[in-house]
Amino acid sequence: MLMSHVILILLPALLWATQTTAAPQRPVNTYSIVAYDPVAGQIGVAAQSHWFCVGCTVTWAEAGVGAVATQSFIDPSYGALGLDIMRAGRDAPDALRGLLTADDHREIRQIGMIDAHGQSAAWTGDDNIQAAGHVVGATDTASGADLPDRGVFAAGEIYAVQANLMDSESVWPGMARAFEDSKGDLAERMLAALEVAQLAGGDSRGRQSAALIVVGDTPTSKSTAGRVFDLRVDDNPRPLSELRR
């Protein structure tokens, strides 16, 4: 019995340490937000892209654990392993640093991550297609000095917004302001951030799909439980309007 408990405790760390680097794929260029509402006790992630079914691979969330948006040249293991590591007790900045350190292709990744305590982190690799960048809430510190190479890492609180292949560098700062200034529940505020990105130019190729997930910040017995919203528009010229509908 003791050995089984030890294995369960160490499993996320073993997955982290043995992560195999995914080969680069076609880029998922998009804009997204991960966020936390401490009053409502909710965690969320939302994204829009000119890409079929952005919700299939970009947006990840689990009640009582956190949320992840993984984009650009996407490695889906950032979603699954990111949640595993946060479930094991690491905060979002530590989880993201660990995943990036193990990834030989980190310079083509863009990631936003938030945990169930509202600690957020974001990464924009230097080889993302421009315009690309991110903003995190409360404190915006380039605290990835322990990471090699040329990308930009930030750790903060409450939210992280990130975007790449945008028409304008005003997209992600505008998303941050929209989230901070908007009223309503977490889903409404995340949608407001995406809508501002769209108005600011958004994805230079247009738009095709969107996704939004909101979960509670209390752990549940099943990883699929505790979902407040789990919405996807996989193929539509007006995906944000469809999400609202």
C-alpha atoms as a PDB file:
ATOM      1  CA  MET A   1       0.000   0.000   0.000  1.00  0.00           C
ATOM      2  CA  LEU A   2       2.819   2.402   0.873  1.00  0.00           C
ATOM      3  CA  MET A   3       4.529   1.770  -2.457  1.00  0.00           C
ATOM      4  CA  SER A   4       1.325   2.493  -4.398  1.00  0.00           C
ATOM      5  CA  HIS A   5       0.968   5.832  -2.595  1.00  0.00           C
ATOM      6  CA  VAL A   6       4.570   6.732  -3.431  1.00  0.00           C
ATOM      7  CA  ILE A   7       3.993   5.922  -7.106  1.00  0.00           C
ATOM      8  CA  LEU A   8       0.860   8.060  -7.235  1.00  0.00           C
ATOM      9  CA  ILE A   9       2.693  11.001  -5.659  1.00  0.00           C
ATOM     10  CA  LEU A  10       5.694  10.709  -7.985  1.00  0.00           C
ATOM     11  CA  LEU A  11       3.806  10.011 -11.223  1.00  0.00           C
ATOM     12  CA  PRO A  12       3.421  13.648 -12.382  1.00  0.00           C
ATOM     13  CA  ALA A  13       7.078  14.327 -11.642  1.00  0.00           C
ATOM     14  CA  LEU A  14       8.103  11.224 -13.592  1.00  0.00           C
ATOM     15  CA  LEU A  15       5.962  12.307 -16.526  1.00  0.00           C
ATOM     16  CA  TRP A  16       7.567  15.748 -16.357  1.00  0.00           C
ATOM     17  CA  ALA A  17      11.094  14.351 -16.239  1.00  0.00           C
ATOM     18  CA  THR A  18      10.508  11.879 -19.099  1.00  0.00           C
ATOM     19  CA  GLN A  19       8.537  14.175 -21.390  1.00  0.00           C
ATOM     20  CA  THR A  20       9.458  13.536 -25.011  1.00  0.00           C
ATOM     21  CA  THR A  21       9.705  16.634 -27.138  1.00  0.00           C
ATOM     22  CA  ALA A  22       7.065  16.679 -29.851  1.00  0.00           C
ATOM     23  CA  ALA A  23       8.255  17.422 -33.355  1.00  0.00           C
ATOM     24  CA  PRO A  24       7.098  20.782 -34.726  1.00  0.00           C
ATOM     25  CA  GLN A  25       3.723  20.692 -36.418  1.00  0.00           C
ATOM     26  CA  ARG A  26       1.711  23.224 -38.376  1.00  0.00           C
ATOM     27  CA  PRO A  27       1.281  26.333 -36.168  1.00  0.00           C
ATOM     28  CA  VAL A  28      -1.953  26.988 -34.269  1.00  0.00           C
ATOM     29  CA  ASN A  29      -1.854  30.777 -34.408  1.00  0.00           C
ATOM     30  CA  THR A  30      -4.412  32.271 -32.087  1.00  0.00           C
ATOM     31  CA  TYR A  31      -5.185  34.512 -29.143  1.00  0.00           C
ATOM     32  CA  SER A  32      -6.222  33.168 -25.769  1.00  0.00           C
ATOM     33  CA  ILE A  33      -6.715  33.921 -22.095  1.00  0.00           C
ATOM     34  CA  VAL A  34      -6.413  31.884 -18.901  1.00  0.00           C
ATOM     35  CA  ALA A  35      -7.958  33.526 -15.850  1.00  0.00           C
ATOM     36  CA  TYR A  36      -9.142  33.145 -12.255  1.00  0.00           C
ATOM     37  CA  ASP A  37     -12.084  34.679 -10.394  1.00  0.00           C
ATOM     38  CA  PRO A  38     -11.348  34.465  -6.643  1.00  0.00           C
ATOM     39  CA  VAL A  39     -14.816  35.723  -5.682  1.00  0.00           C
ATOM     40  CA  ALA A  40     -16.736  33.123  -7.669  1.00  0.00           C
ATOM     41  CA  GLY A  41     -14.070  30.473  -7.174  1.00  0.00           C
ATOM     42  CA  GLN A  42     -13.715  29.809 -10.900  1.00  0.00           C
ATOM     43  CA  ILE A  43     -10.857  29.093 -13.312  1.00  0.00           C
ATOM     44  CA  GLY A  44     -11.189  29.559 -17.065  1.00  0.00           C
ATOM     45  CA  VAL A  45      -9.592  29.445 -20.478  1.00  0.00           C
ATOM     46  CA  ALA A  46     -10.842  30.824 -23.792  1.00  0.00           C
ATOM     47  CA  ALA A  47      -9.389  31.098 -27.293  1.00  0.00           C
ATOM     48  CA  GLN A  48     -10.168  32.086 -30.868  1.00  0.00           C
ATOM     49  CA  SER A  49      -8.247  31.222 -34.038  1.00  0.00           C
ATOM     50  CA  HIS A  50      -8.312  30.842 -37.794  1.00  0.00           C
ATOM     51  CA  TRP A  51      -7.910  27.114 -37.221  1.00  0.00           C
ATOM     52  CA  PHE A  52     -10.437  24.302 -37.250  1.00  0.00           C
ATOM     53  CA  CYS A  53     -11.463  23.168 -33.752  1.00  0.00           C
ATOM     54  CA  VAL A  54      -9.184  25.315 -31.606  1.00  0.00           C
ATOM     55  CA  GLY A  55     -10.856  23.721 -28.572  1.00  0.00           C
ATOM     56  CA  CYS A  56      -9.597  20.262 -29.554  1.00  0.00           C
ATOM     57  CA  THR A  57      -5.981  20.994 -28.652  1.00  0.00           C
ATOM     58  CA  VAL A  58      -5.468  24.545 -27.330  1.00  0.00           C
ATOM     59  CA  THR A  59      -7.769  24.840 -24.285  1.00  0.00           C
ATOM     60  CA  TRP A  60      -7.381  22.658 -21.171  1.00  0.00           C
ATOM     61  CA  ALA A  61      -8.903  22.993 -17.686  1.00  0.00           C
ATOM     62  CA  GLU A  62      -9.624  20.881 -14.622  1.00  0.00           C
ATOM     63  CA  ALA A  63     -11.605  21.838 -11.522  1.00  0.00           C
ATOM     64  CA  GLY A  64      -9.439  22.512  -8.491  1.00  0.00           C
ATOM     65  CA  VAL A  65      -6.268  22.320 -10.599  1.00  0.00           C
ATOM     66  CA  GLY A  66      -5.975  25.057 -13.219  1.00  0.00           C
ATOM     67  CA  ALA A  67      -6.141  25.889 -16.915  1.00  0.00           C
ATOM     68  CA  VAL A  68      -3.727  25.851 -19.846  1.00  0.00           C
ATOM     69  CA  ALA A  69      -3.704  27.405 -23.320  1.00  0.00           C
ATOM     70  CA  THR A  70      -1.056  25.871 -25.587  1.00  0.00           C
ATOM     71  CA  GLN A  71      -0.653  27.395 -29.040  1.00  0.00           C
ATOM     72  CA  SER A  72       1.641  28.349 -31.930  1.00  0.00           C
ATOM     73  CA  PHE A  73       3.506  25.139 -32.928  1.00  0.00           C
ATOM     74  CA  ILE A  74       1.437  23.192 -30.473  1.00  0.00           C
ATOM     75  CA  ASP A  75       2.519  20.348 -28.224  1.00  0.00           C
ATOM     76  CA  PRO A  76      -0.685  19.006 -26.601  1.00  0.00           C
ATOM     77  CA  SER A  77       1.322  17.485 -23.744  1.00  0.00           C
ATOM     78  CA  TYR A  78       1.661  20.992 -22.295  1.00  0.00           C
ATOM     79  CA  GLY A  79      -2.054  20.764 -21.529  1.00  0.00           C
ATOM     80  CA  ALA A  80      -2.150  17.273 -20.048  1.00  0.00           C
ATOM     81  CA  LEU A  81       1.214  17.405 -18.260  1.00  0.00           C
ATOM     82  CA  GLY A  82       0.665  20.980 -17.112  1.00  0.00           C
ATOM     83  CA  LEU A  83      -2.513  19.915 -15.331  1.00  0.00           C
ATOM     84  CA  ASP A  84      -0.766  16.820 -13.922  1.00  0.00           C
ATOM     85  CA  ILE A  85       2.054  18.895 -12.456  1.00  0.00           C
ATOM     86  CA  MET A  86      -0.294  21.488 -10.932  1.00  0.00           C
ATOM     87  CA  ARG A  87      -2.476  18.703  -9.529  1.00  0.00           C
ATOM     88  CA  ALA A  88       0.629  17.391  -7.763  1.00  0.00           C
ATOM     89  CA  GLY A  89       1.029  20.732  -5.966  1.00  0.00           C
ATOM     90  CA  ARG A  90       3.274  22.868  -8.174  1.00  0.00           C
ATOM     91  CA  ASP A  91       2.127  26.389  -8.985  1.00  0.00           C
ATOM     92  CA  ALA A  92       1.633  27.471 -12.589  1.00  0.00           C
ATOM     93  CA  PRO A  93       4.995  29.289 -12.992  1.00  0.00           C
ATOM     94  CA  ASP A  94       6.954  26.287 -11.709  1.00  0.00           C
ATOM     95  CA  ALA A  95       4.946  23.890 -13.864  1.00  0.00           C
ATOM     96  CA  LEU A  96       5.540  25.935 -16.997  1.00  0.00           C
ATOM     97  CA  ARG A  97       9.256  26.398 -16.304  1.00  0.00           C
ATOM     98  CA  GLY A  98       9.669  22.643 -15.950  1.00  0.00           C
ATOM     99  CA  LEU A  99       7.865  21.868 -19.188  1.00  0.00           C
ATOM    100  CA  LEU A 100       9.838  24.480 -21.115  1.00  0.00           C
ATOM    101  CA  THR A 101      13.172  23.265 -19.784  1.00  0.00           C
ATOM    102  CA  ALA A 102      12.391  19.765 -21.105  1.00  0.00           C
ATOM    103  CA  ASP A 103      11.318  21.027 -24.546  1.00  0.00           C
ATOM    104  CA  ASP A 104      13.943  21.397 -27.282  1.00  0.00           C
ATOM    105  CA  HIS A 105      11.392  23.283 -29.393  1.00  0.00           C
ATOM    106  CA  ARG A 106      10.309  25.813 -26.757  1.00  0.00           C
ATOM    107  CA  GLU A 107      11.175  28.783 -29.001  1.00  0.00           C
ATOM    108  CA  ILE A 108       8.223  27.940 -31.285  1.00  0.00           C
ATOM    109  CA  ARG A 109       5.751  27.500 -28.405  1.00  0.00           C
ATOM    110  CA  GLN A 110       3.361  29.956 -26.805  1.00  0.00           C
ATOM    111  CA  ILE A 111       1.723  28.984 -23.515  1.00  0.00           C
ATOM    112  CA  GLY A 112      -0.550  30.518 -20.885  1.00  0.00           C
ATOM    113  CA  MET A 113      -1.133  28.716 -17.588  1.00  0.00           C
ATOM    114  CA  ILE A 114      -2.989  29.435 -14.333  1.00  0.00           C
ATOM    115  CA  ASP A 115      -3.465  27.386 -11.174  1.00  0.00           C
ATOM    116  CA  ALA A 116      -6.323  27.084  -8.693  1.00  0.00           C
ATOM    117  CA  HIS A 117      -4.791  29.793  -6.473  1.00  0.00           C
ATOM    118  CA  GLY A 118      -4.645  32.359  -9.267  1.00  0.00           C
ATOM    119  CA  GLN A 119      -0.902  32.169  -9.960  1.00  0.00           C
ATOM    120  CA  SER A 120      -0.370  32.695 -13.690  1.00  0.00           C
ATOM    121  CA  ALA A 121       2.476  32.255 -16.152  1.00  0.00           C
ATOM    122  CA  ALA A 122       3.064  32.801 -19.850  1.00  0.00           C
ATOM    123  CA  TRP A 123       5.759  32.070 -22.391  1.00  0.00           C
ATOM    124  CA  THR A 124       6.316  33.372 -25.913  1.00  0.00           C
ATOM    125  CA  GLY A 125       9.194  31.693 -27.712  1.00  0.00           C
ATOM    126  CA  ASP A 126      11.388  33.878 -29.870  1.00  0.00           C
ATOM    127  CA  ASP A 127      10.507  31.984 -33.057  1.00  0.00           C
ATOM    128  CA  ASN A 128       6.768  32.617 -32.834  1.00  0.00           C
ATOM    129  CA  ILE A 129       5.290  34.205 -35.947  1.00  0.00           C
ATOM    130  CA  GLN A 130       4.947  37.932 -35.320  1.00  0.00           C
ATOM    131  CA  ALA A 131       3.260  39.905 -34.042  1.00  0.00           C
ATOM    132  CA  ALA A 132       3.376  37.817 -30.864  1.00  0.00           C
ATOM    133  CA  GLY A 133       3.454  38.464 -27.127  1.00  0.00           C
ATOM    134  CA  HIS A 134       1.719  38.107 -23.785  1.00  0.00           C
ATOM    135  CA  VAL A 135       0.688  39.963 -20.620  1.00  0.00           C
ATOM    136  CA  VAL A 136       0.109  38.542 -17.145  1.00  0.00           C
ATOM    137  CA  GLY A 137      -1.895  40.166 -14.376  1.00  0.00           C
ATOM    138  CA  ALA A 138      -0.780  41.951 -11.201  1.00  0.00           C
ATOM    139  CA  THR A 139       2.962  41.440 -11.565  1.00  0.00           C
ATOM    140  CA  ASP A 140       4.599  41.176 -14.967  1.00  0.00           C
ATOM    141  CA  THR A 141       8.068  39.893 -14.231  1.00  0.00           C
ATOM    142  CA  ALA A 142      10.387  38.337 -16.791  1.00  0.00           C
ATOM    143  CA  SER A 143      11.268  35.684 -14.222  1.00  0.00           C
ATOM    144  CA  GLY A 144      12.441  33.071 -16.677  1.00  0.00           C
ATOM    145  CA  ALA A 145      16.097  33.981 -16.287  1.00  0.00           C
ATOM    146  CA  ASP A 146      16.779  30.351 -15.368  1.00  0.00           C
ATOM    147  CA  LEU A 147      15.457  29.275 -18.776  1.00  0.00           C
ATOM    148  CA  PRO A 148      17.867  28.991 -21.706  1.00  0.00           C
ATOM    149  CA  ASP A 149      17.501  30.596 -25.115  1.00  0.00           C
ATOM    150  CA  ARG A 150      15.676  33.697 -26.226  1.00  0.00           C
ATOM    151  CA  GLY A 151      11.982  33.548 -25.357  1.00  0.00           C
ATOM    152  CA  VAL A 152      10.081  35.707 -22.885  1.00  0.00           C
ATOM    153  CA  PHE A 153       8.679  34.226 -19.658  1.00  0.00           C
ATOM    154  CA  ALA A 154       6.384  36.063 -17.237  1.00  0.00           C
ATOM    155  CA  ALA A 155       4.741  35.132 -13.940  1.00  0.00           C
ATOM    156  CA  GLY A 156       1.874  36.975 -12.295  1.00  0.00           C
ATOM    157  CA  GLU A 157      -1.614  36.606 -10.881  1.00  0.00           C
ATOM    158  CA  ILE A 158      -5.275  36.372 -11.932  1.00  0.00           C
ATOM    159  CA  TYR A 159      -4.779  36.071 -15.704  1.00  0.00           C
ATOM    160  CA  ALA A 160      -2.469  35.635 -18.657  1.00  0.00           C
ATOM    161  CA  VAL A 161      -3.282  36.672 -22.228  1.00  0.00           C
ATOM    162  CA  GLN A 162      -1.213  35.600 -25.218  1.00  0.00           C
ATOM    163  CA  ALA A 163      -1.373  35.970 -28.997  1.00  0.00           C
ATOM    164  CA  ASN A 164       0.681  35.256 -32.104  1.00  0.00           C
ATOM    165  CA  LEU A 165       0.459  35.897 -35.858  1.00  0.00           C
ATOM    166  CA  MET A 166      -1.475  39.070 -35.121  1.00  0.00           C
ATOM    167  CA  ASP A 167      -1.942  42.110 -37.329  1.00  0.00           C
ATOM    168  CA  SER A 168      -0.971  44.432 -34.462  1.00  0.00           C
ATOM    169  CA  GLU A 169       1.112  44.426 -31.278  1.00  0.00           C
ATOM    170  CA  SER A 170      -1.823  46.162 -29.565  1.00  0.00           C
ATOM    171  CA  VAL A 171      -3.787  42.887 -29.408  1.00  0.00           C
ATOM    172  CA  TRP A 172      -2.520  41.358 -26.158  1.00  0.00           C
ATOM    173  CA  PRO A 173      -2.279  44.621 -24.149  1.00  0.00           C
ATOM    174  CA  GLY A 174      -5.831  45.375 -25.282  1.00  0.00           C
ATOM    175  CA  MET A 175      -6.978  41.948 -24.127  1.00  0.00           C
ATOM    176  CA  ALA A 176      -5.453  42.558 -20.700  1.00  0.00           C
ATOM    177  CA  ARG A 177      -7.166  45.938 -20.333  1.00  0.00           C
ATOM    178  CA  ALA A 178     -10.498  44.503 -21.473  1.00  0.00           C
ATOM    179  CA  PHE A 179     -10.348  41.704 -18.918  1.00  0.00           C
ATOM    180  CA  GLU A 180      -9.380  44.060 -16.096  1.00  0.00           C
ATOM    181  CA  ASP A 181     -12.019  46.681 -16.965  1.00  0.00           C
ATOM    182  CA  SER A 182     -14.969  44.440 -17.855  1.00  0.00           C
ATOM    183  CA  LYS A 183     -17.819  43.462 -15.545  1.00  0.00           C
ATOM    184  CA  GLY A 184     -19.738  40.230 -15.169  1.00  0.00           C
ATOM    185  CA  ASP A 185     -18.789  36.636 -14.521  1.00  0.00           C
ATOM    186  CA  LEU A 186     -15.537  35.017 -15.587  1.00  0.00           C
ATOM    187  CA  ALA A 187     -16.922  33.732 -18.886  1.00  0.00           C
ATOM    188  CA  GLU A 188     -18.187  37.203 -19.817  1.00  0.00           C
ATOM    189  CA  ARG A 189     -14.863  38.847 -18.993  1.00  0.00           C
ATOM    190  CA  MET A 190     -12.861  36.316 -20.998  1.00  0.00           C
ATOM    191  CA  LEU A 191     -15.181  36.811 -23.975  1.00  0.00           C
ATOM    192  CA  ALA A 192     -14.664  40.570 -23.641  1.00  0.00           C
ATOM    193  CA  ALA A 193     -10.909  40.033 -23.919  1.00  0.00           C
ATOM    194  CA  LEU A 194     -11.299  37.935 -27.069  1.00  0.00           C
ATOM    195  CA  GLU A 195     -13.655  40.461 -28.630  1.00  0.00           C
ATOM    196  CA  VAL A 196     -11.184  43.294 -28.081  1.00  0.00           C
ATOM    197  CA  ALA A 197      -8.480  41.184 -29.727  1.00  0.00           C
ATOM    198  CA  GLN A 198     -10.749  40.660 -32.708  1.00  0.00           C
ATOM    199  CA  LEU A 199     -11.438  44.397 -33.005  1.00  0.00           C
ATOM    200  CA  ALA A 200      -7.722  45.187 -32.729  1.00  0.00           C
ATOM    201  CA  GLY A 201      -6.968  43.102 -35.798  1.00  0.00           C
ATOM    202  CA  GLY A 202      -6.781  39.617 -34.370  1.00  0.00           C
ATOM    203  CA  ASP A 203      -5.369  36.698 -36.316  1.00  0.00           C
ATOM    204  CA  SER A 204      -4.020  38.035 -39.614  1.00  0.00           C
ATOM    205  CA  ARG A 205      -5.749  35.207 -41.515  1.00  0.00           C
ATOM    206  CA  GLY A 206      -9.232  35.814 -40.093  1.00  0.00           C
ATOM    207  CA  ARG A 207     -11.184  33.594 -37.696  1.00  0.00           C
ATOM    208  CA  GLN A 208     -12.734  30.141 -37.756  1.00  0.00           C
ATOM    209  CA  SER A 209     -13.158  28.579 -34.314  1.00  0.00           C
ATOM    210  CA  ALA A 210     -13.397  29.448 -30.617  1.00  0.00           C
ATOM    211  CA  ALA A 211     -13.614  27.661 -27.277  1.00  0.00           C
ATOM    212  CA  LEU A 212     -14.380  28.542 -23.657  1.00  0.00           C
ATOM    213  CA  ILE A 213     -14.084  26.420 -20.510  1.00  0.00           C
ATOM    214  CA  VAL A 214     -14.912  27.491 -16.941  1.00  0.00           C
ATOM    215  CA  VAL A 215     -14.401  25.166 -13.961  1.00  0.00           C
ATOM    216  CA  GLY A 216     -14.596  25.517 -10.194  1.00  0.00           C
ATOM    217  CA  ASP A 217     -11.496  25.979  -8.049  1.00  0.00           C
ATOM    218  CA  THR A 218     -12.421  23.093  -5.732  1.00  0.00           C
ATOM    219  CA  PRO A 219     -10.983  19.652  -6.557  1.00  0.00           C
ATOM    220  CA  THR A 220     -13.413  16.932  -7.611  1.00  0.00           C
ATOM    221  CA  SER A 221     -13.199  13.154  -7.640  1.00  0.00           C
ATOM    222  CA  LYS A 222     -13.264  13.087 -11.460  1.00  0.00           C
ATOM    223  CA  SER A 223     -11.182  15.230 -13.799  1.00  0.00           C
ATOM    224  CA  THR A 224     -14.227  15.856 -16.011  1.00  0.00           C
ATOM    225  CA  ALA A 225     -16.442  17.083 -13.138  1.00  0.00           C
ATOM    226  CA  GLY A 226     -16.840  20.616 -11.824  1.00  0.00           C
ATOM    227  CA  ARG A 227     -17.362  22.229 -15.249  1.00  0.00           C
ATOM    228  CA  VAL A 228     -19.500  25.366 -15.340  1.00  0.00           C
ATOM    229  CA  PHE A 229     -19.101  25.926 -19.097  1.00  0.00           C
ATOM    230  CA  ASP A 230     -17.498  23.814 -21.806  1.00  0.00           C
ATOM    231  CA  LEU A 231     -18.312  25.455 -25.132  1.00  0.00           C
ATOM    232  CA  ARG A 232     -16.793  25.055 -28.588  1.00  0.00           C
ATOM    233  CA  VAL A 233     -17.452  26.480 -32.020  1.00  0.00           C
ATOM    234  CA  ASP A 234     -15.334  24.381 -34.365  1.00  0.00           C
ATOM    235  CA  ASP A 235     -15.983  25.893 -37.802  1.00  0.00           C
ATOM    236  CA  ASN A 236     -17.819  29.184 -38.226  1.00  0.00           C
ATOM    237  CA  PRO A 237     -16.906  32.601 -39.695  1.00  0.00           C
ATOM    238  CA  ARG A 238     -18.216  34.294 -36.511  1.00  0.00           C
ATOM    239  CA  PRO A 239     -17.157  31.966 -33.692  1.00  0.00           C
ATOM    240  CA  LEU A 240     -17.384  34.468 -30.820  1.00  0.00           C
ATOM    241  CA  SER A 241     -20.938  35.408 -31.776  1.00  0.00           C
ATOM    242  CA  GLU A 242     -21.782  31.713 -31.803  1.00  0.00           C
ATOM    243  CA  LEU A 243     -20.270  31.246 -28.332  1.00  0.00           C
ATOM    244  CA  ARG A 244     -22.470  34.034 -27.009  1.00  0.00           C
ATOM    245  CA  ARG A 245     -25.532  32.569 -28.696  1.00  0.00           C
END
